[in-house]
Amino acid sequence: MPNDKTAHDSYRKLLYFFENKIKVHFKDFDDVFYNGIIIDLNEEKLSMILMERMKGTMPILLEFINPDSIRKMEERGK
């Protein structure tokens, strides 16, 4: 059963990164982390498409994202 509250919380936080094309960093509830640019964010389906440099393009359901872990991705090695 989907957790709509978690999905909606994640959507609201990710919307800023999507609209401003800012790289985002977040974890799922299994502590697997993701970094990249959101190329599609769908409020109706509560899903997104993330473009990661290493893994490529991947669909992600927002209910599996820990909303407390969402933040701007810090660039390293510049």
Foldseek 3Di string as FASTA:
>chain_A
DFDVVQLVLQLVLCVVCQVVQFWKWFAFPVRDIAIATWPAADPVQSKTWGAGPPPGIDIDRRSRTRSVGIDGDDDPDD
